[in-house]
Amino acid sequence: MDDPNLSTWLGRLQESSFSQGGQAVRKAYPPERRLTGPQLATYLGRRTYALASSTRPDGRAHAAPTLFTIYAEAFWLPTLGGATRLRNVQAHPWLALSVLEGEHETHAAVLTEGPAEVLTTVPADVTHATELRNRGATLDWATAWLRMTPHRLFSFAEHAWQEHP
């Protein structure tokens, strides 16, 4: 993604997240291992799937892979109308996304979380962008969407990944 607005927004969001994070967060994600705004935009732009984590109505954790698209400073996830994650978000309107790749010296990760809502209609641009990310496959099966507006975003990449993303 070569969208300078996206790069700027992601960079600002991450900086704000780290400035509000505690000592343990700052130690676990040292500045030299964080992705820059442009790196975040590129990394997220070439990833198609994230692991979405939500909380079941009874408080138990739930995680499932999902397509995602970033649009209008939010993460958009297509889903089926009866999906567990929809009931979870209705009960606890919060979602965490983990986007990971690689192993050991080539590992990179972006973790984000924020309030989420269930939608039955989305802007045509969201559907179109998500279909493009999904190799042009139609999203006729998506009868609902989750929109997560991130409040926090953290990234980490090993030096080898940063040298050869």
Protein backbone atom coordinates (compact mmCIF):
# COMPACT_ATOMS: atom_id res chain seq x y z
CA MET A 1 0.00 0.00 0.00
CA ASP A 2 1.40 3.32 -1.02
CA ASP A 3 -1.22 5.41 0.76
CA PRO A 4 0.65 8.12 2.72
CA ASN A 5 -2.47 8.79 4.83
CA LEU A 6 -2.56 5.13 5.88
CA SER A 7 1.15 5.17 6.74
CA THR A 8 0.74 8.35 8.78
CA TRP A 9 -2.35 7.07 10.61
CA LEU A 10 -0.76 3.70 11.45
CA GLY A 11 2.44 5.39 12.62
CA ARG A 12 0.52 7.83 14.84
CA LEU A 13 -1.65 5.05 16.25
CA GLN A 14 1.40 2.98 17.15
CA GLU A 15 3.24 5.93 18.72
CA SER A 16 0.18 6.79 20.81
CA SER A 17 -0.16 3.14 21.86
CA PHE A 18 3.45 2.89 23.01
CA SER A 19 3.30 6.24 24.82
CA GLN A 20 0.35 4.91 26.85
CA GLY A 21 1.84 1.43 27.34
CA GLY A 22 3.60 0.34 30.46
CA GLN A 23 7.25 -0.52 31.02
CA ALA A 24 6.70 -4.20 30.16
CA VAL A 25 5.20 -3.31 26.76
CA ARG A 26 8.02 -0.92 25.93
CA LYS A 27 10.59 -3.55 26.92
CA ALA A 28 8.89 -6.32 24.91
CA TYR A 29 8.64 -4.08 21.83
CA PRO A 30 11.86 -2.02 21.74
CA PRO A 31 11.82 0.98 19.36
CA GLU A 32 14.46 -0.52 17.05
CA ARG A 33 12.23 -3.56 16.46
CA ARG A 34 9.02 -1.64 15.69
CA LEU A 35 7.78 -1.18 12.15
CA THR A 36 7.60 2.39 10.85
CA GLY A 37 4.34 3.83 9.51
CA PRO A 38 5.26 3.00 5.88
CA GLN A 39 6.42 -0.50 6.90
CA LEU A 40 3.14 -1.06 8.75
CA ALA A 41 1.13 -0.01 5.70
CA THR A 42 3.18 -2.28 3.40
CA TYR A 43 3.06 -5.24 5.79
CA LEU A 44 -0.69 -5.01 6.43
CA GLY A 45 -1.32 -4.31 2.75
CA ARG A 46 0.15 -7.64 1.69
CA ARG A 47 -1.44 -9.72 4.45
CA THR A 48 -4.90 -11.13 3.77
CA TYR A 49 -5.74 -12.87 7.04
CA ALA A 50 -5.62 -12.05 10.72
CA LEU A 51 -6.45 -14.02 13.83
CA ALA A 52 -9.49 -12.35 15.41
CA SER A 53 -9.86 -12.78 19.16
CA SER A 54 -13.08 -12.03 20.98
CA THR A 55 -14.78 -12.90 24.25
CA ARG A 56 -17.74 -15.27 24.38
CA PRO A 57 -20.82 -14.14 26.32
CA ASP A 58 -19.78 -16.48 29.18
CA GLY A 59 -16.29 -14.91 29.33
CA ARG A 60 -14.31 -17.65 27.55
CA ALA A 61 -11.86 -16.66 24.83
CA HIS A 62 -12.56 -17.32 21.14
CA ALA A 63 -10.12 -16.97 18.23
CA ALA A 64 -10.61 -17.62 14.52
CA PRO A 65 -8.85 -16.63 11.29
CA THR A 66 -10.53 -13.98 9.18
CA LEU A 67 -10.09 -11.89 6.06
CA PHE A 68 -9.54 -8.22 6.79
CA THR A 69 -9.36 -4.90 5.01
CA ILE A 70 -8.31 -1.50 6.32
CA TYR A 71 -10.62 1.31 5.28
CA ALA A 72 -11.41 4.71 6.84
CA GLU A 73 -9.14 4.09 9.86
CA ALA A 74 -10.84 0.82 10.78
CA PHE A 75 -10.35 -2.90 10.22
CA TRP A 76 -13.27 -4.56 8.38
CA LEU A 77 -13.92 -8.31 8.64
CA PRO A 78 -16.49 -10.13 6.49
CA THR A 79 -18.30 -12.99 8.20
CA LEU A 80 -21.36 -15.23 8.16
CA GLY A 81 -24.51 -14.15 9.96
CA GLY A 82 -24.45 -16.98 12.51
CA ALA A 83 -20.73 -16.82 13.33
CA THR A 84 -19.62 -17.12 16.93
CA ARG A 85 -17.58 -13.93 16.66
CA LEU A 86 -20.75 -11.93 15.91
CA ARG A 87 -22.46 -13.09 19.10
CA ASN A 88 -19.23 -12.40 20.96
CA VAL A 89 -18.95 -8.83 19.69
CA GLN A 90 -22.62 -8.22 20.44
CA ALA A 91 -22.02 -9.36 24.04
CA HIS A 92 -18.57 -7.76 24.44
CA PRO A 93 -18.00 -5.11 21.73
CA TRP A 94 -14.21 -5.43 21.59
CA LEU A 95 -11.93 -7.26 19.18
CA ALA A 96 -8.20 -8.00 19.00
CA LEU A 97 -6.44 -8.83 15.74
CA SER A 98 -3.07 -10.54 15.36
CA VAL A 99 -1.30 -10.48 12.01
CA LEU A 100 1.80 -12.69 12.09
CA GLU A 101 4.33 -14.09 9.68
CA GLY A 102 7.64 -15.94 9.71
CA GLU A 103 9.56 -17.76 12.37
CA HIS A 104 12.52 -16.90 14.56
CA GLU A 105 14.82 -14.42 12.75
CA THR A 106 12.22 -13.67 10.04
CA HIS A 107 9.25 -13.15 12.35
CA ALA A 108 7.07 -10.05 12.28
CA ALA A 109 3.81 -9.24 14.04
CA VAL A 110 1.19 -6.52 14.26
CA LEU A 111 -1.25 -6.62 17.16
CA THR A 112 -4.20 -4.28 17.35
CA GLU A 113 -7.36 -3.98 19.40
CA GLY A 114 -10.35 -1.76 19.86
CA PRO A 115 -14.11 -1.47 20.01
CA ALA A 116 -16.02 -3.44 17.39
CA GLU A 117 -19.50 -3.41 15.98
CA VAL A 118 -21.62 -5.70 13.82
CA LEU A 119 -22.84 -4.29 10.51
CA THR A 120 -25.12 -5.79 7.87
CA THR A 121 -24.18 -3.29 5.16
CA VAL A 122 -20.83 -1.72 4.38
CA PRO A 123 -19.57 0.83 1.86
CA ALA A 124 -19.07 -0.65 -1.62
CA ASP A 125 -15.40 0.37 -1.39
CA VAL A 126 -14.94 -2.00 1.57
CA THR A 127 -16.47 -4.94 -0.28
CA HIS A 128 -14.45 -4.19 -3.41
CA ALA A 129 -11.16 -3.79 -1.52
CA THR A 130 -11.75 -7.02 0.40
CA GLU A 131 -12.55 -8.94 -2.78
CA LEU A 132 -9.29 -7.67 -4.33
CA ARG A 133 -7.36 -8.81 -1.24
CA ASN A 134 -9.06 -12.20 -1.57
CA ARG A 135 -7.74 -12.71 -5.13
CA GLY A 136 -10.93 -11.38 -6.67
CA ALA A 137 -13.19 -13.97 -5.02
CA THR A 138 -16.72 -12.74 -4.43
CA LEU A 139 -17.95 -12.07 -0.91
CA ASP A 140 -21.54 -13.14 -1.58
CA TRP A 141 -21.24 -15.40 1.46
CA ALA A 142 -20.60 -12.44 3.82
CA THR A 143 -23.95 -11.65 5.39
CA ALA A 144 -22.43 -9.52 8.17
CA TRP A 145 -19.28 -7.51 8.83
CA LEU A 146 -17.33 -6.52 11.88
CA ARG A 147 -15.76 -3.08 12.01
CA MET A 148 -13.03 -2.67 14.60
CA THR A 149 -11.75 0.83 15.29
CA PRO A 150 -8.29 0.32 16.75
CA HIS A 151 -7.38 2.06 19.96
CA ARG A 152 -4.00 0.33 20.24
CA LEU A 153 -1.51 -1.06 17.75
CA PHE A 154 1.87 -2.63 18.42
CA SER A 155 4.39 -4.10 16.00
CA PHE A 156 7.55 -6.13 16.24
CA ALA A 157 9.94 -7.41 13.58
CA GLU A 158 13.23 -9.22 13.91
CA HIS A 159 16.18 -7.48 12.29
CA ALA A 160 16.40 -10.10 9.52
CA TRP A 161 12.76 -9.46 8.59
CA GLN A 162 13.29 -5.71 8.54
CA GLU A 163 16.24 -6.13 6.20
CA HIS A 164 14.33 -8.40 3.77
CA PRO A 165 10.56 -7.93 4.19
